[in-house]
Amino acid sequence: MVDTKFSAPSTPDWLTGQLLIAMPSMRDPRFAQSVIFICAHSEEGAMGVILNRPLRAPTFTDLMRQLEIQPIPPRRELPLGTGGPVDDNRGFVLHSADWADDGSLEVDGAHVLTANLSVLHAVAEGGGPQRARLVLGYAGWGAGQLDEEIRENAWLSTTPDEAIIFDTADETKWQRALANLRIDPGKLSGLTGRA
């Protein structure tokens, strides 16, 4: 089940459902050139999944075999990625809102996060959500931490782009996310200043 302490707030100025784009100056190698979909953001903290860190192993079929989810091979496969450094042995499926389960977290009306095996059973049988990606782990921030990182010029934010969220061209997602903001990464500065 999804951790309920990260429930999506109703205040419109929160980052829930937005994409975070790491600035070129990001020093943490776990997040350098990352694009993160924010699943929840409130006074208690924030939670999201990295969209551009593919996993080559295990494959989706290998994972279904390990979890003993039938049929093997599955009728449908999902791209696998590293969602972040927190709880990295736990799977999270970010998917379209056309499918949900009791344990699913509705993010923004168009996207849902499910962290139980029911979604994997549905996908393996050829059903489940139309668009989905499976990640291991997530990115998490404590109360006010993400807000402070944004003030320190570590991240940009933008509206979600379905291709960036769900396609498998992971090596270009950071550049495409910046291009959606009409930003050339070579012209970005990581310096902050005060007037």
Protein backbone atom coordinates (compact mmCIF):
# COMPACT_ATOMS: atom_id res chain seq x y z
CA MET A 1 0.00 0.00 0.00
CA VAL A 2 1.06 3.59 -0.59
CA ASP A 3 2.18 5.49 2.50
CA THR A 4 -0.83 7.61 3.45
CA LYS A 5 1.22 10.36 5.13
CA PHE A 6 1.83 11.66 1.60
CA SER A 7 -1.78 12.47 0.77
CA ALA A 8 -2.30 14.98 -2.01
CA PRO A 9 -3.44 18.40 -0.73
CA SER A 10 -6.23 20.45 -2.27
CA THR A 11 -4.17 23.67 -2.34
CA PRO A 12 -3.47 24.51 -6.01
CA ASP A 13 0.09 25.79 -5.50
CA TRP A 14 1.59 22.45 -4.46
CA LEU A 15 3.80 20.40 -6.80
CA THR A 16 1.64 17.27 -6.80
CA GLY A 17 1.31 16.00 -10.37
CA GLN A 18 4.17 18.17 -11.66
CA LEU A 19 7.54 17.23 -13.14
CA LEU A 20 10.72 18.24 -11.33
CA ILE A 21 13.77 18.76 -13.50
CA ALA A 22 17.23 18.73 -11.91
CA MET A 23 19.31 21.81 -12.60
CA PRO A 24 22.72 21.19 -14.24
CA SER A 25 24.36 22.17 -10.95
CA MET A 26 22.75 19.24 -9.09
CA ARG A 27 25.61 17.79 -7.04
CA ASP A 28 23.87 14.66 -5.76
CA PRO A 29 24.74 11.94 -8.34
CA ARG A 30 21.49 10.10 -7.52
CA PHE A 31 19.55 13.04 -8.98
CA ALA A 32 21.89 14.53 -11.60
CA GLN A 33 19.93 15.19 -14.82
CA SER A 34 16.88 13.50 -13.35
CA VAL A 35 13.24 14.10 -14.17
CA ILE A 36 10.88 13.27 -11.30
CA PHE A 37 7.11 12.97 -11.27
CA ILE A 38 5.81 14.35 -7.96
CA CYS A 39 3.13 12.03 -6.59
CA ALA A 40 2.44 13.97 -3.40
CA HIS A 41 3.54 17.29 -1.90
CA SER A 42 2.20 18.77 1.31
CA GLU A 43 3.35 20.38 4.55
CA GLU A 44 4.52 16.93 5.71
CA GLY A 45 6.90 16.44 2.79
CA ALA A 46 7.01 15.24 -0.79
CA MET A 47 7.27 11.96 -2.67
CA GLY A 48 7.99 11.30 -6.32
CA VAL A 49 9.50 8.81 -8.73
CA ILE A 50 12.43 9.31 -11.09
CA LEU A 51 11.39 8.78 -14.71
CA ASN A 52 14.74 8.51 -16.50
CA ARG A 53 16.83 5.88 -14.70
CA PRO A 54 16.16 2.61 -16.55
CA LEU A 55 16.97 -0.77 -15.02
CA ARG A 56 18.50 -3.33 -17.36
CA ALA A 57 18.14 -6.13 -14.83
CA PRO A 58 16.00 -7.67 -13.67
CA THR A 59 13.72 -7.71 -16.68
CA PHE A 60 9.98 -7.47 -16.16
CA THR A 61 9.68 -11.21 -16.89
CA ASP A 62 12.44 -11.98 -14.36
CA LEU A 63 10.62 -9.91 -11.75
CA MET A 64 7.30 -11.64 -12.43
CA ARG A 65 9.07 -14.99 -12.07
CA GLN A 66 10.63 -13.90 -8.72
CA LEU A 67 7.24 -12.73 -7.47
CA GLU A 68 5.56 -15.90 -8.81
CA ILE A 69 3.05 -13.88 -10.81
CA GLN A 70 1.47 -15.81 -13.67
CA PRO A 71 1.49 -16.13 -16.59
CA ILE A 72 5.19 -16.50 -17.39
CA PRO A 73 6.07 -14.95 -19.74
CA PRO A 74 3.62 -12.16 -19.00
CA ARG A 75 1.18 -11.17 -21.74
CA ARG A 76 2.32 -7.58 -21.35
CA GLU A 77 5.50 -5.97 -20.00
CA LEU A 78 6.29 -2.67 -18.31
CA PRO A 79 9.50 -0.65 -18.50
CA LEU A 80 11.51 -0.88 -15.27
CA GLY A 81 13.44 1.92 -13.65
CA THR A 82 15.00 3.19 -10.46
CA GLY A 83 12.42 5.45 -8.84
CA GLY A 84 14.74 6.84 -6.19
CA PRO A 85 16.98 5.98 -3.26
CA VAL A 86 14.22 5.49 -0.66
CA ASP A 87 12.79 1.99 -0.13
CA ASP A 88 14.55 0.81 -3.30
CA ASN A 89 13.53 -2.83 -2.85
CA ARG A 90 9.85 -1.90 -3.14
CA GLY A 91 8.00 -1.53 -6.43
CA PHE A 92 5.76 1.36 -7.41
CA VAL A 93 3.70 1.52 -10.60
CA LEU A 94 2.96 5.00 -11.91
CA HIS A 95 0.09 4.68 -14.35
CA SER A 96 -2.83 6.24 -16.16
CA ALA A 97 -6.07 6.77 -14.23
CA ASP A 98 -8.04 4.22 -16.27
CA TRP A 99 -7.24 1.55 -13.64
CA ALA A 100 -7.01 1.67 -9.84
CA ASP A 101 -7.16 -0.60 -6.82
CA ASP A 102 -8.04 -0.07 -3.17
CA GLY A 103 -4.39 0.63 -2.38
CA SER A 104 -3.86 3.10 -5.24
CA LEU A 105 -3.05 6.77 -4.67
CA GLU A 106 -4.91 9.05 -7.08
CA VAL A 107 -2.39 11.80 -7.84
CA ASP A 108 -3.99 14.41 -10.07
CA GLY A 109 -6.96 12.96 -11.93
CA ALA A 110 -4.79 11.67 -14.79
CA HIS A 111 -2.13 9.70 -12.90
CA VAL A 112 -2.24 7.06 -10.18
CA LEU A 113 0.47 5.41 -8.08
CA THR A 114 -0.05 1.79 -7.04
CA ALA A 115 2.33 -0.08 -4.76
CA ASN A 116 0.66 -3.47 -4.44
CA LEU A 117 0.85 -6.63 -6.52
CA SER A 118 -2.67 -6.36 -7.95
CA VAL A 119 -1.48 -4.04 -10.71
CA LEU A 120 1.31 -6.46 -11.67
CA HIS A 121 -1.15 -9.36 -11.78
CA ALA A 122 -3.41 -7.32 -14.06
CA VAL A 123 -0.54 -6.35 -16.37
CA ALA A 124 0.86 -9.89 -16.53
CA GLU A 125 -2.58 -11.11 -17.62
CA GLY A 126 -2.65 -8.49 -20.39
CA GLY A 127 -4.85 -5.92 -18.65
CA GLY A 128 -4.32 -3.18 -16.10
CA PRO A 129 -3.76 0.49 -16.87
CA GLN A 130 -3.26 1.52 -20.47
CA ARG A 131 -0.01 3.41 -19.71
CA ALA A 132 2.32 2.43 -16.89
CA ARG A 133 5.90 2.20 -15.70
CA LEU A 134 7.33 0.20 -12.81
CA VAL A 135 10.03 1.71 -10.62
CA LEU A 136 11.90 0.39 -7.62
CA GLY A 137 12.14 2.93 -4.83
CA TYR A 138 11.14 6.57 -4.69
CA ALA A 139 12.49 10.04 -4.00
CA GLY A 140 11.34 11.52 -0.71
CA TRP A 141 11.70 14.87 1.03
CA GLY A 142 10.89 15.85 4.61
CA ALA A 143 8.71 18.79 5.61
CA GLY A 144 9.79 21.91 3.70
CA GLN A 145 12.88 20.19 2.23
CA LEU A 146 11.78 20.22 -1.41
CA ASP A 147 10.56 23.83 -1.13
CA GLU A 148 14.00 24.81 0.21
CA GLU A 149 15.80 22.93 -2.60
CA ILE A 150 13.69 24.80 -5.16
CA ARG A 151 14.54 28.13 -3.48
CA GLU A 152 18.22 27.09 -3.68
CA ASN A 153 17.87 26.64 -7.46
CA ALA A 154 18.29 22.82 -7.44
CA TRP A 155 15.08 22.11 -9.39
CA LEU A 156 12.77 23.49 -12.04
CA SER A 157 9.15 22.39 -12.24
CA THR A 158 6.74 22.05 -15.14
CA THR A 159 3.42 20.49 -16.04
CA PRO A 160 3.42 16.77 -16.81
CA ASP A 161 4.18 15.53 -20.31
CA GLU A 162 2.73 12.07 -21.04
CA ALA A 163 5.59 11.12 -23.38
CA ILE A 164 8.20 12.03 -20.77
CA ILE A 165 6.32 10.11 -18.10
CA PHE A 166 5.63 6.92 -20.02
CA ASP A 167 7.93 6.50 -23.03
CA THR A 168 11.17 4.53 -22.84
CA ALA A 169 13.51 7.13 -24.41
CA ASP A 170 15.02 7.71 -20.97
CA GLU A 171 18.32 9.11 -22.25
CA THR A 172 16.57 12.20 -23.69
CA LYS A 173 13.94 12.91 -21.01
CA TRP A 174 15.97 15.55 -19.17
CA GLN A 175 16.69 17.50 -22.35
CA ARG A 176 13.08 17.15 -23.57
CA ALA A 177 11.70 18.33 -20.22
CA LEU A 178 13.93 21.41 -20.38
CA ALA A 179 12.97 21.97 -24.03
CA ASN A 180 9.29 21.99 -22.98
CA LEU A 181 10.22 25.01 -20.84
CA ARG A 182 12.14 26.47 -23.83
CA ILE A 183 15.39 26.19 -21.87
CA ASP A 184 18.79 25.34 -23.31
CA PRO A 185 20.65 23.34 -20.60
CA GLY A 186 23.93 24.95 -21.68
CA LYS A 187 22.60 28.37 -20.71
CA LEU A 188 21.39 27.43 -17.24
CA SER A 189 23.30 28.61 -14.21
CA GLY A 190 23.20 26.82 -10.89
CA LEU A 191 24.05 30.01 -9.01
CA THR A 192 21.52 31.69 -6.79
CA GLY A 193 21.47 35.33 -5.93
CA ARG A 194 19.63 37.96 -3.96
CA ALA A 195 18.79 41.44 -5.20
